[in-house]
Amino acid sequence: MVKKISHEQSRRNAARRRRRVAARHSLAGHWGQQSTPMLSSGTVSYEIGANIDASCFGGIAAAHRLVTKLGLVEQINQGLHLLKVHLPYHESDHVLRH
């Protein structure tokens, strides 16, 4: 879904995104063992704002969502043993990243 937003809304979204990234970066390196893969596929929405350029990388989220729905993530984690400890990543995170 693509919706047109105002310039002011685009600036608020960008500021909110920067705060989320800063909060996530402050937690970097302080992970515990994870029971689920770090890469997940939730609802995907696309927005195009006044000062944000659209990119061709929107298909990555759709491809990851398809892989998840097909059960490939679970099959990779069950059949491939690369990591001794899932701290914080799983095998599927490494395989699907490439």
PDB file of N, CA and C in Angstrom:
ATOM      1  N   MET A   1       0.839  -1.171   0.000  1.00  0.00           N
ATOM      2  CA  MET A   1       0.000   0.000   0.000  1.00  0.00           C
ATOM      3  C   MET A   1       0.885   1.237   0.000  1.00  0.00           C
ATOM      4  N   VAL A   2       0.623   2.171  -0.862  1.00  0.00           N
ATOM      5  CA  VAL A   2       1.362   3.426  -0.944  1.00  0.00           C
ATOM      6  C   VAL A   2       0.390   4.551  -0.690  1.00  0.00           C
ATOM      7  N   LYS A   3       0.751   5.436   0.255  1.00  0.00           N
ATOM      8  CA  LYS A   3      -0.104   6.582   0.511  1.00  0.00           C
ATOM      9  C   LYS A   3       0.748   7.838   0.514  1.00  0.00           C
ATOM     10  N   LYS A   4       0.178   8.918   0.045  1.00  0.00           N
ATOM     11  CA  LYS A   4       0.888  10.188  -0.004  1.00  0.00           C
ATOM     12  C   LYS A   4       0.693  10.877   1.337  1.00  0.00           C
ATOM     13  N   ILE A   5       1.794  11.367   1.895  1.00  0.00           N
ATOM     14  CA  ILE A   5       1.719  12.048   3.189  1.00  0.00           C
ATOM     15  C   ILE A   5       2.278  13.461   3.035  1.00  0.00           C
ATOM     16  N   SER A   6       1.943  14.305   3.997  1.00  0.00           N
ATOM     17  CA  SER A   6       2.392  15.698   3.944  1.00  0.00           C
ATOM     18  C   SER A   6       3.876  15.800   4.287  1.00  0.00           C
ATOM     19  N   HIS A   7       4.438  16.935   3.958  1.00  0.00           N
ATOM     20  CA  HIS A   7       5.852  17.191   4.254  1.00  0.00           C
ATOM     21  C   HIS A   7       6.096  17.123   5.762  1.00  0.00           C
ATOM     22  N   GLU A   8       5.196  17.716   6.542  1.00  0.00           N
ATOM     23  CA  GLU A   8       5.339  17.722   8.003  1.00  0.00           C
ATOM     24  C   GLU A   8       5.257  16.302   8.568  1.00  0.00           C
ATOM     25  N   GLN A   9       4.330  15.500   8.072  1.00  0.00           N
ATOM     26  CA  GLN A   9       4.213  14.108   8.527  1.00  0.00           C
ATOM     27  C   GLN A   9       5.474  13.329   8.175  1.00  0.00           C
ATOM     28  N   SER A  10       6.034  13.592   7.010  1.00  0.00           N
ATOM     29  CA  SER A  10       7.268  12.933   6.588  1.00  0.00           C
ATOM     30  C   SER A  10       8.406  13.272   7.542  1.00  0.00           C
ATOM     31  N   ARG A  11       8.499  14.535   7.952  1.00  0.00           N
ATOM     32  CA  ARG A  11       9.549  14.942   8.897  1.00  0.00           C
ATOM     33  C   ARG A  11       9.349  14.278  10.253  1.00  0.00           C
ATOM     34  N   ARG A  12       8.093  14.198  10.724  1.00  0.00           N
ATOM     35  CA  ARG A  12       7.821  13.532  12.011  1.00  0.00           C
ATOM     36  C   ARG A  12       8.176  12.060  11.938  1.00  0.00           C
ATOM     37  N   ASN A  13       7.827  11.406  10.817  1.00  0.00           N
ATOM     38  CA  ASN A  13       8.164   9.990  10.655  1.00  0.00           C
ATOM     39  C   ASN A  13       9.672   9.778  10.651  1.00  0.00           C
ATOM     40  N   ALA A  14      10.402  10.662   9.982  1.00  0.00           N
ATOM     41  CA  ALA A  14      11.858  10.540   9.932  1.00  0.00           C
ATOM     42  C   ALA A  14      12.457  10.728  11.322  1.00  0.00           C
ATOM     43  N   ALA A  15      11.941  11.694  12.094  1.00  0.00           N
ATOM     44  CA  ALA A  15      12.439  11.918  13.452  1.00  0.00           C
ATOM     45  C   ALA A  15      12.133  10.713  14.334  1.00  0.00           C
ATOM     46  N   ARG A  16      10.929  10.169  14.203  1.00  0.00           N
ATOM     47  CA  ARG A  16      10.550   8.982  14.981  1.00  0.00           C
ATOM     48  C   ARG A  16      11.446   7.801  14.629  1.00  0.00           C
ATOM     49  N   ARG A  17      11.734   7.648  13.339  1.00  0.00           N
ATOM     50  CA  ARG A  17      12.610   6.566  12.873  1.00  0.00           C
ATOM     51  C   ARG A  17      14.017   6.724  13.452  1.00  0.00           C
ATOM     52  N   ARG A  18      14.542   7.968  13.466  1.00  0.00           N
ATOM     53  CA  ARG A  18      15.875   8.210  14.033  1.00  0.00           C
ATOM     54  C   ARG A  18      15.911   7.865  15.518  1.00  0.00           C
ATOM     55  N   ARG A  19      14.851   8.203  16.268  1.00  0.00           N
ATOM     56  CA  ARG A  19      14.805   7.874  17.703  1.00  0.00           C
ATOM     57  C   ARG A  19      14.778   6.370  17.920  1.00  0.00           C
ATOM     58  N   ARG A  20      14.008   5.632  17.090  1.00  0.00           N
ATOM     59  CA  ARG A  20      13.961   4.168  17.205  1.00  0.00           C
ATOM     60  C   ARG A  20      15.324   3.549  16.936  1.00  0.00           C
ATOM     61  N   VAL A  21      15.996   4.044  15.903  1.00  0.00           N
ATOM     62  CA  VAL A  21      17.318   3.511  15.557  1.00  0.00           C
ATOM     63  C   VAL A  21      18.301   3.803  16.684  1.00  0.00           C
ATOM     64  N   ALA A  22      18.274   5.016  17.232  1.00  0.00           N
ATOM     65  CA  ALA A  22      19.183   5.360  18.331  1.00  0.00           C
ATOM     66  C   ALA A  22      18.927   4.471  19.546  1.00  0.00           C
ATOM     67  N   ALA A  23      17.657   4.200  19.855  1.00  0.00           N
ATOM     68  CA  ALA A  23      17.336   3.322  20.984  1.00  0.00           C
ATOM     69  C   ALA A  23      17.829   1.905  20.725  1.00  0.00           C
ATOM     70  N   ARG A  24      17.661   1.428  19.494  1.00  0.00           N
ATOM     71  CA  ARG A  24      18.125   0.081  19.149  1.00  0.00           C
ATOM     72  C   ARG A  24      19.651   0.002  19.215  1.00  0.00           C
ATOM     73  N   HIS A  25      20.327   1.044  18.758  1.00  0.00           N
ATOM     74  CA  HIS A  25      21.789   1.049  18.784  1.00  0.00           C
ATOM     75  C   HIS A  25      22.320   1.087  20.213  1.00  0.00           C
ATOM     76  N   SER A  26      21.587   1.728  21.114  1.00  0.00           N
ATOM     77  CA  SER A  26      22.043   1.769  22.509  1.00  0.00           C
ATOM     78  C   SER A  26      21.992   0.389  23.153  1.00  0.00           C
ATOM     79  N   LEU A  27      21.171  -0.516  22.613  1.00  0.00           N
ATOM     80  CA  LEU A  27      21.075  -1.882  23.135  1.00  0.00           C
ATOM     81  C   LEU A  27      22.066  -2.836  22.475  1.00  0.00           C
ATOM     82  N   ALA A  28      22.779  -2.379  21.462  1.00  0.00           N
ATOM     83  CA  ALA A  28      23.672  -3.255  20.702  1.00  0.00           C
ATOM     84  C   ALA A  28      24.696  -3.907  21.623  1.00  0.00           C
ATOM     85  N   GLY A  29      24.859  -5.203  21.442  1.00  0.00           N
ATOM     86  CA  GLY A  29      25.828  -5.952  22.232  1.00  0.00           C
ATOM     87  C   GLY A  29      25.298  -6.445  23.561  1.00  0.00           C
ATOM     88  N   HIS A  30      24.089  -6.088  23.926  1.00  0.00           N
ATOM     89  CA  HIS A  30      23.511  -6.496  25.205  1.00  0.00           C
ATOM     90  C   HIS A  30      22.361  -7.477  24.976  1.00  0.00           C
ATOM     91  N   TRP A  31      22.645  -8.545  24.253  1.00  0.00           N
ATOM     92  CA  TRP A  31      21.615  -9.501  23.886  1.00  0.00           C
ATOM     93  C   TRP A  31      21.670 -10.719  24.788  1.00  0.00           C
ATOM     94  N   GLY A  32      20.530 -11.308  25.007  1.00  0.00           N
ATOM     95  CA  GLY A  32      20.440 -12.607  25.651  1.00  0.00           C
ATOM     96  C   GLY A  32      20.130 -13.642  24.579  1.00  0.00           C
ATOM     97  N   GLN A  33      20.106 -14.902  24.978  1.00  0.00           N
ATOM     98  CA  GLN A  33      19.794 -15.953  24.011  1.00  0.00           C
ATOM     99  C   GLN A  33      18.363 -15.770  23.512  1.00  0.00           C
ATOM    100  N   GLN A  34      18.181 -15.865  22.199  1.00  0.00           N
ATOM    101  CA  GLN A  34      16.885 -15.614  21.572  1.00  0.00           C
ATOM    102  C   GLN A  34      16.186 -16.928  21.242  1.00  0.00           C
ATOM    103  N   SER A  35      14.893 -16.972  21.476  1.00  0.00           N
ATOM    104  CA  SER A  35      14.128 -18.181  21.154  1.00  0.00           C
ATOM    105  C   SER A  35      13.600 -18.156  19.724  1.00  0.00           C
ATOM    106  N   THR A  36      13.554 -16.985  19.119  1.00  0.00           N
ATOM    107  CA  THR A  36      13.073 -16.863  17.738  1.00  0.00           C
ATOM    108  C   THR A  36      14.100 -16.095  16.909  1.00  0.00           C
ATOM    109  N   PRO A  37      14.084 -16.254  15.584  1.00  0.00           N
ATOM    110  CA  PRO A  37      15.026 -15.518  14.733  1.00  0.00           C
ATOM    111  C   PRO A  37      14.854 -14.004  14.864  1.00  0.00           C
ATOM    112  N   MET A  38      15.951 -13.273  14.685  1.00  0.00           N
ATOM    113  CA  MET A  38      15.915 -11.814  14.776  1.00  0.00           C
ATOM    114  C   MET A  38      15.183 -11.203  13.585  1.00  0.00           C
ATOM    115  N   LEU A  39      15.401 -11.755  12.401  1.00  0.00           N
ATOM    116  CA  LEU A  39      14.730 -11.246  11.212  1.00  0.00           C
ATOM    117  C   LEU A  39      13.319 -11.808  11.168  1.00  0.00           C
ATOM    118  N   SER A  40      12.351 -10.929  11.143  1.00  0.00           N
ATOM    119  CA  SER A  40      10.967 -11.386  11.107  1.00  0.00           C
ATOM    120  C   SER A  40      10.235 -10.659   9.997  1.00  0.00           C
ATOM    121  N   SER A  41       9.085 -11.172   9.646  1.00  0.00           N
ATOM    122  CA  SER A  41       8.299 -10.526   8.598  1.00  0.00           C
ATOM    123  C   SER A  41       6.946 -10.163   9.182  1.00  0.00           C
ATOM    124  N   GLY A  42       6.762  -8.906   9.412  1.00  0.00           N
ATOM    125  CA  GLY A  42       5.481  -8.415   9.889  1.00  0.00           C
ATOM    126  C   GLY A  42       4.734  -7.777   8.741  1.00  0.00           C
ATOM    127  N   THR A  43       3.800  -6.942   9.070  1.00  0.00           N
ATOM    128  CA  THR A  43       3.051  -6.228   8.055  1.00  0.00           C
ATOM    129  C   THR A  43       3.976  -5.249   7.350  1.00  0.00           C
ATOM    130  N   VAL A  44       3.915  -5.225   6.044  1.00  0.00           N
ATOM    131  CA  VAL A  44       4.766  -4.343   5.258  1.00  0.00           C
ATOM    132  C   VAL A  44       3.914  -3.213   4.712  1.00  0.00           C
ATOM    133  N   SER A  45       4.349  -1.971   4.962  1.00  0.00           N
ATOM    134  CA  SER A  45       3.663  -0.824   4.369  1.00  0.00           C
ATOM    135  C   SER A  45       4.735   0.101   3.811  1.00  0.00           C
ATOM    136  N   TYR A  46       4.430   0.752   2.726  1.00  0.00           N
ATOM    137  CA  TYR A  46       5.365   1.636   2.054  1.00  0.00           C
ATOM    138  C   TYR A  46       4.801   3.038   2.078  1.00  0.00           C
ATOM    139  N   GLU A  47       5.662   4.012   2.319  1.00  0.00           N
ATOM    140  CA  GLU A  47       5.222   5.400   2.258  1.00  0.00           C
ATOM    141  C   GLU A  47       6.248   6.190   1.466  1.00  0.00           C
ATOM    142  N   ILE A  48       5.761   7.151   0.755  1.00  0.00           N
ATOM    143  CA  ILE A  48       6.630   8.033  -0.014  1.00  0.00           C
ATOM    144  C   ILE A  48       6.339   9.446   0.448  1.00  0.00           C
ATOM    145  N   GLY A  49       7.342  10.084   1.022  1.00  0.00           N
ATOM    146  CA  GLY A  49       7.176  11.428   1.537  1.00  0.00           C
ATOM    147  C   GLY A  49       7.881  12.444   0.666  1.00  0.00           C
ATOM    148  N   ALA A  50       7.816  13.686   1.093  1.00  0.00           N
ATOM    149  CA  ALA A  50       8.381  14.777   0.309  1.00  0.00           C
ATOM    150  C   ALA A  50       9.900  14.698   0.230  1.00  0.00           C
ATOM    151  N   ASN A  51      10.585  14.414   1.336  1.00  0.00           N
ATOM    152  CA  ASN A  51      12.035  14.394   1.282  1.00  0.00           C
ATOM    153  C   ASN A  51      12.607  12.980   1.407  1.00  0.00           C
ATOM    154  N   ILE A  52      11.857  11.993   1.072  1.00  0.00           N
ATOM    155  CA  ILE A  52      12.353  10.615   1.097  1.00  0.00           C
ATOM    156  C   ILE A  52      12.275  10.067  -0.325  1.00  0.00           C
ATOM    157  N   ASP A  53      13.402   9.589  -0.823  1.00  0.00           N
ATOM    158  CA  ASP A  53      13.420   9.001  -2.159  1.00  0.00           C
ATOM    159  C   ASP A  53      12.977   7.548  -2.070  1.00  0.00           C
ATOM    160  N   ALA A  54      12.173   7.124  -3.000  1.00  0.00           N
ATOM    161  CA  ALA A  54      11.750   5.725  -3.061  1.00  0.00           C
ATOM    162  C   ALA A  54      12.906   4.886  -3.586  1.00  0.00           C
ATOM    163  N   SER A  55      12.995   3.657  -3.138  1.00  0.00           N
ATOM    164  CA  SER A  55      14.062   2.766  -3.602  1.00  0.00           C
ATOM    165  C   SER A  55      13.456   1.491  -4.173  1.00  0.00           C
ATOM    166  N   CYS A  56      14.292   0.717  -4.794  1.00  0.00           N
ATOM    167  CA  CYS A  56      13.836  -0.523  -5.411  1.00  0.00           C
ATOM    168  C   CYS A  56      13.931  -1.698  -4.438  1.00  0.00           C
ATOM    169  N   PHE A  57      14.235  -1.450  -3.156  1.00  0.00           N
ATOM    170  CA  PHE A  57      14.473  -2.528  -2.205  1.00  0.00           C
ATOM    171  C   PHE A  57      13.232  -2.951  -1.432  1.00  0.00           C
ATOM    172  N   GLY A  58      12.060  -2.503  -1.806  1.00  0.00           N
ATOM    173  CA  GLY A  58      10.836  -2.876  -1.111  1.00  0.00           C
ATOM    174  C   GLY A  58      10.477  -4.340  -1.280  1.00  0.00           C
ATOM    175  N   GLY A  59      10.997  -4.985  -2.317  1.00  0.00           N
ATOM    176  CA  GLY A  59      10.693  -6.386  -2.568  1.00  0.00           C
ATOM    177  C   GLY A  59      11.361  -7.339  -1.595  1.00  0.00           C
ATOM    178  N   ILE A  60      12.387  -6.874  -0.882  1.00  0.00           N
ATOM    179  CA  ILE A  60      13.085  -7.726   0.080  1.00  0.00           C
ATOM    180  C   ILE A  60      12.128  -8.148   1.194  1.00  0.00           C
ATOM    181  N   ALA A  61      11.348  -7.204   1.709  1.00  0.00           N
ATOM    182  CA  ALA A  61      10.398  -7.522   2.775  1.00  0.00           C
ATOM    183  C   ALA A  61       9.343  -8.502   2.283  1.00  0.00           C
ATOM    184  N   ALA A  62       8.875  -8.317   1.057  1.00  0.00           N
ATOM    185  CA  ALA A  62       7.871  -9.236   0.503  1.00  0.00           C
ATOM    186  C   ALA A  62       8.463 -10.633   0.318  1.00  0.00           C
ATOM    187  N   ALA A  63       9.716 -10.712  -0.135  1.00  0.00           N
ATOM    188  CA  ALA A  63      10.367 -12.015  -0.312  1.00  0.00           C
ATOM    189  C   ALA A  63      10.566 -12.708   1.035  1.00  0.00           C
ATOM    190  N   HIS A  64      10.962 -11.950   2.053  1.00  0.00           N
ATOM    191  CA  HIS A  64      11.149 -12.555   3.381  1.00  0.00           C
ATOM    192  C   HIS A  64       9.823 -13.028   3.955  1.00  0.00           C
ATOM    193  N   ARG A  65       8.775 -12.284   3.708  1.00  0.00           N
ATOM    194  CA  ARG A  65       7.442 -12.700   4.172  1.00  0.00           C
ATOM    195  C   ARG A  65       7.011 -14.005   3.509  1.00  0.00           C
ATOM    196  N   LEU A  66       7.292 -14.151   2.212  1.00  0.00           N
ATOM    197  CA  LEU A  66       6.976 -15.378   1.488  1.00  0.00           C
ATOM    198  C   LEU A  66       7.766 -16.557   2.055  1.00  0.00           C
ATOM    199  N   VAL A  67       9.060 -16.356   2.287  1.00  0.00           N
ATOM    200  CA  VAL A  67       9.923 -17.411   2.841  1.00  0.00           C
ATOM    201  C   VAL A  67       9.398 -17.853   4.212  1.00  0.00           C
ATOM    202  N   THR A  68       8.965 -16.901   5.017  1.00  0.00           N
ATOM    203  CA  THR A  68       8.437 -17.219   6.345  1.00  0.00           C
ATOM    204  C   THR A  68       7.134 -18.002   6.244  1.00  0.00           C
ATOM    205  N   LYS A  69       6.232 -17.556   5.375  1.00  0.00           N
ATOM    206  CA  LYS A  69       4.942 -18.248   5.225  1.00  0.00           C
ATOM    207  C   LYS A  69       5.105 -19.665   4.682  1.00  0.00           C
ATOM    208  N   LEU A  70       6.136 -19.893   3.860  1.00  0.00           N
ATOM    209  CA  LEU A  70       6.380 -21.230   3.317  1.00  0.00           C
ATOM    210  C   LEU A  70       7.030 -22.172   4.340  1.00  0.00           C
ATOM    211  N   GLY A  71       7.501 -21.625   5.453  1.00  0.00           N
ATOM    212  CA  GLY A  71       8.112 -22.448   6.493  1.00  0.00           C
ATOM    213  C   GLY A  71       9.595 -22.701   6.287  1.00  0.00           C
ATOM    214  N   LEU A  72      10.215 -21.962   5.375  1.00  0.00           N
ATOM    215  CA  LEU A  72      11.631 -22.164   5.107  1.00  0.00           C
ATOM    216  C   LEU A  72      12.507 -21.754   6.291  1.00  0.00           C
ATOM    217  N   VAL A  73      12.086 -20.740   7.033  1.00  0.00           N
ATOM    218  CA  VAL A  73      12.857 -20.281   8.190  1.00  0.00           C
ATOM    219  C   VAL A  73      13.000 -21.416   9.211  1.00  0.00           C
ATOM    220  N   GLU A  74      11.896 -22.088   9.535  1.00  0.00           N
ATOM    221  CA  GLU A  74      11.945 -23.186  10.503  1.00  0.00           C
ATOM    222  C   GLU A  74      12.782 -24.353   9.979  1.00  0.00           C
ATOM    223  N   GLN A  75      12.665 -24.649   8.695  1.00  0.00           N
ATOM    224  CA  GLN A  75      13.432 -25.754   8.114  1.00  0.00           C
ATOM    225  C   GLN A  75      14.930 -25.460   8.160  1.00  0.00           C
ATOM    226  N   ILE A  76      15.317 -24.242   7.899  1.00  0.00           N
ATOM    227  CA  ILE A  76      16.735 -23.875   7.980  1.00  0.00           C
ATOM    228  C   ILE A  76      17.228 -24.015   9.410  1.00  0.00           C
ATOM    229  N   ASN A  77      16.466 -23.510  10.374  1.00  0.00           N
ATOM    230  CA  ASN A  77      16.895 -23.572  11.776  1.00  0.00           C
ATOM    231  C   ASN A  77      16.967 -25.002  12.296  1.00  0.00           C
ATOM    232  N   GLN A  78      16.090 -25.880  11.826  1.00  0.00           N
ATOM    233  CA  GLN A  78      16.102 -27.268  12.285  1.00  0.00           C
ATOM    234  C   GLN A  78      17.177 -28.098  11.593  1.00  0.00           C
ATOM    235  N   GLY A  79      17.435 -27.835  10.316  1.00  0.00           N
ATOM    236  CA  GLY A  79      18.331 -28.687   9.548  1.00  0.00           C
ATOM    237  C   GLY A  79      19.770 -28.232   9.479  1.00  0.00           C
ATOM    238  N   LEU A  80      20.057 -27.004   9.863  1.00  0.00           N
ATOM    239  CA  LEU A  80      21.403 -26.459   9.731  1.00  0.00           C
ATOM    240  C   LEU A  80      21.900 -26.020  11.103  1.00  0.00           C
ATOM    241  N   HIS A  81      23.071 -26.484  11.491  1.00  0.00           N
ATOM    242  CA  HIS A  81      23.614 -26.153  12.812  1.00  0.00           C
ATOM    243  C   HIS A  81      24.958 -25.462  12.628  1.00  0.00           C
ATOM    244  N   LEU A  82      24.920 -24.132  12.534  1.00  0.00           N
ATOM    245  CA  LEU A  82      26.127 -23.326  12.368  1.00  0.00           C
ATOM    246  C   LEU A  82      26.576 -22.706  13.684  1.00  0.00           C
ATOM    247  N   LEU A  83      25.637 -22.343  14.518  1.00  0.00           N
ATOM    248  CA  LEU A  83      25.931 -21.577  15.721  1.00  0.00           C
ATOM    249  C   LEU A  83      25.790 -22.439  16.976  1.00  0.00           C
ATOM    250  N   LYS A  84      26.716 -22.263  17.919  1.00  0.00           N
ATOM    251  CA  LYS A  84      26.618 -22.985  19.193  1.00  0.00           C
ATOM    252  C   LYS A  84      25.563 -22.341  20.091  1.00  0.00           C
ATOM    253  N   VAL A  85      25.525 -21.015  20.088  1.00  0.00           N
ATOM    254  CA  VAL A  85      24.572 -20.270  20.912  1.00  0.00           C
ATOM    255  C   VAL A  85      23.864 -19.252  20.024  1.00  0.00           C
ATOM    256  N   HIS A  86      22.578 -19.134  20.170  1.00  0.00           N
ATOM    257  CA  HIS A  86      21.800 -18.169  19.392  1.00  0.00           C
ATOM    258  C   HIS A  86      21.790 -16.838  20.139  1.00  0.00           C
ATOM    259  N   LEU A  87      22.891 -16.135  20.031  1.00  0.00           N
ATOM    260  CA  LEU A  87      23.090 -14.917  20.800  1.00  0.00           C
ATOM    261  C   LEU A  87      23.434 -13.765  19.874  1.00  0.00           C
ATOM    262  N   PRO A  88      22.596 -13.045  19.271  1.00  0.00           N
ATOM    263  CA  PRO A  88      21.148 -13.148  19.260  1.00  0.00           C
ATOM    264  C   PRO A  88      20.610 -13.822  18.002  1.00  0.00           C
ATOM    265  N   TYR A  89      21.471 -14.208  17.062  1.00  0.00           N
ATOM    266  CA  TYR A  89      20.988 -14.650  15.765  1.00  0.00           C
ATOM    267  C   TYR A  89      20.806 -16.157  15.659  1.00  0.00           C
ATOM    268  N   HIS A  90      19.988 -16.574  14.713  1.00  0.00           N
ATOM    269  CA  HIS A  90      19.757 -17.972  14.386  1.00  0.00           C
ATOM    270  C   HIS A  90      20.384 -18.270  13.029  1.00  0.00           C
ATOM    271  N   GLU A  91      20.428 -19.534  12.661  1.00  0.00           N
ATOM    272  CA  GLU A  91      21.006 -19.932  11.383  1.00  0.00           C
ATOM    273  C   GLU A  91      20.267 -19.282  10.214  1.00  0.00           C
ATOM    274  N   SER A  92      18.955 -19.228  10.311  1.00  0.00           N
ATOM    275  CA  SER A  92      18.161 -18.633   9.221  1.00  0.00           C
ATOM    276  C   SER A  92      18.485 -17.155   9.020  1.00  0.00           C
ATOM    277  N   ASP A  93      18.826 -16.451  10.094  1.00  0.00           N
ATOM    278  CA  ASP A  93      19.196 -15.042   9.967  1.00  0.00           C
ATOM    279  C   ASP A  93      20.427 -14.897   9.080  1.00  0.00           C
ATOM    280  N   HIS A  94      21.397 -15.788   9.260  1.00  0.00           N
ATOM    281  CA  HIS A  94      22.618 -15.732   8.452  1.00  0.00           C
ATOM    282  C   HIS A  94      22.376 -16.177   7.020  1.00  0.00           C
ATOM    283  N   VAL A  95      21.615 -17.241   6.843  1.00  0.00           N
ATOM    284  CA  VAL A  95      21.378 -17.774   5.497  1.00  0.00           C
ATOM    285  C   VAL A  95      20.529 -16.819   4.670  1.00  0.00           C
ATOM    286  N   LEU A  96      19.470 -16.306   5.236  1.00  0.00           N
ATOM    287  CA  LEU A  96      18.552 -15.435   4.490  1.00  0.00           C
ATOM    288  C   LEU A  96      19.106 -14.038   4.254  1.00  0.00           C
ATOM    289  N   ARG A  97      20.134 -13.676   4.972  1.00  0.00           N
ATOM    290  CA  ARG A  97      20.740 -12.362   4.782  1.00  0.00           C
ATOM    291  C   ARG A  97      21.491 -12.280   3.467  1.00  0.00           C
ATOM    292  N   HIS A  98      21.961 -13.408   2.964  1.00  0.00           N
ATOM    293  CA  HIS A  98      22.774 -13.389   1.741  1.00  0.00           C
ATOM    294  C   HIS A  98      21.976 -13.668   0.521  1.00  0.00           C
TER     295      HIS A  98
END
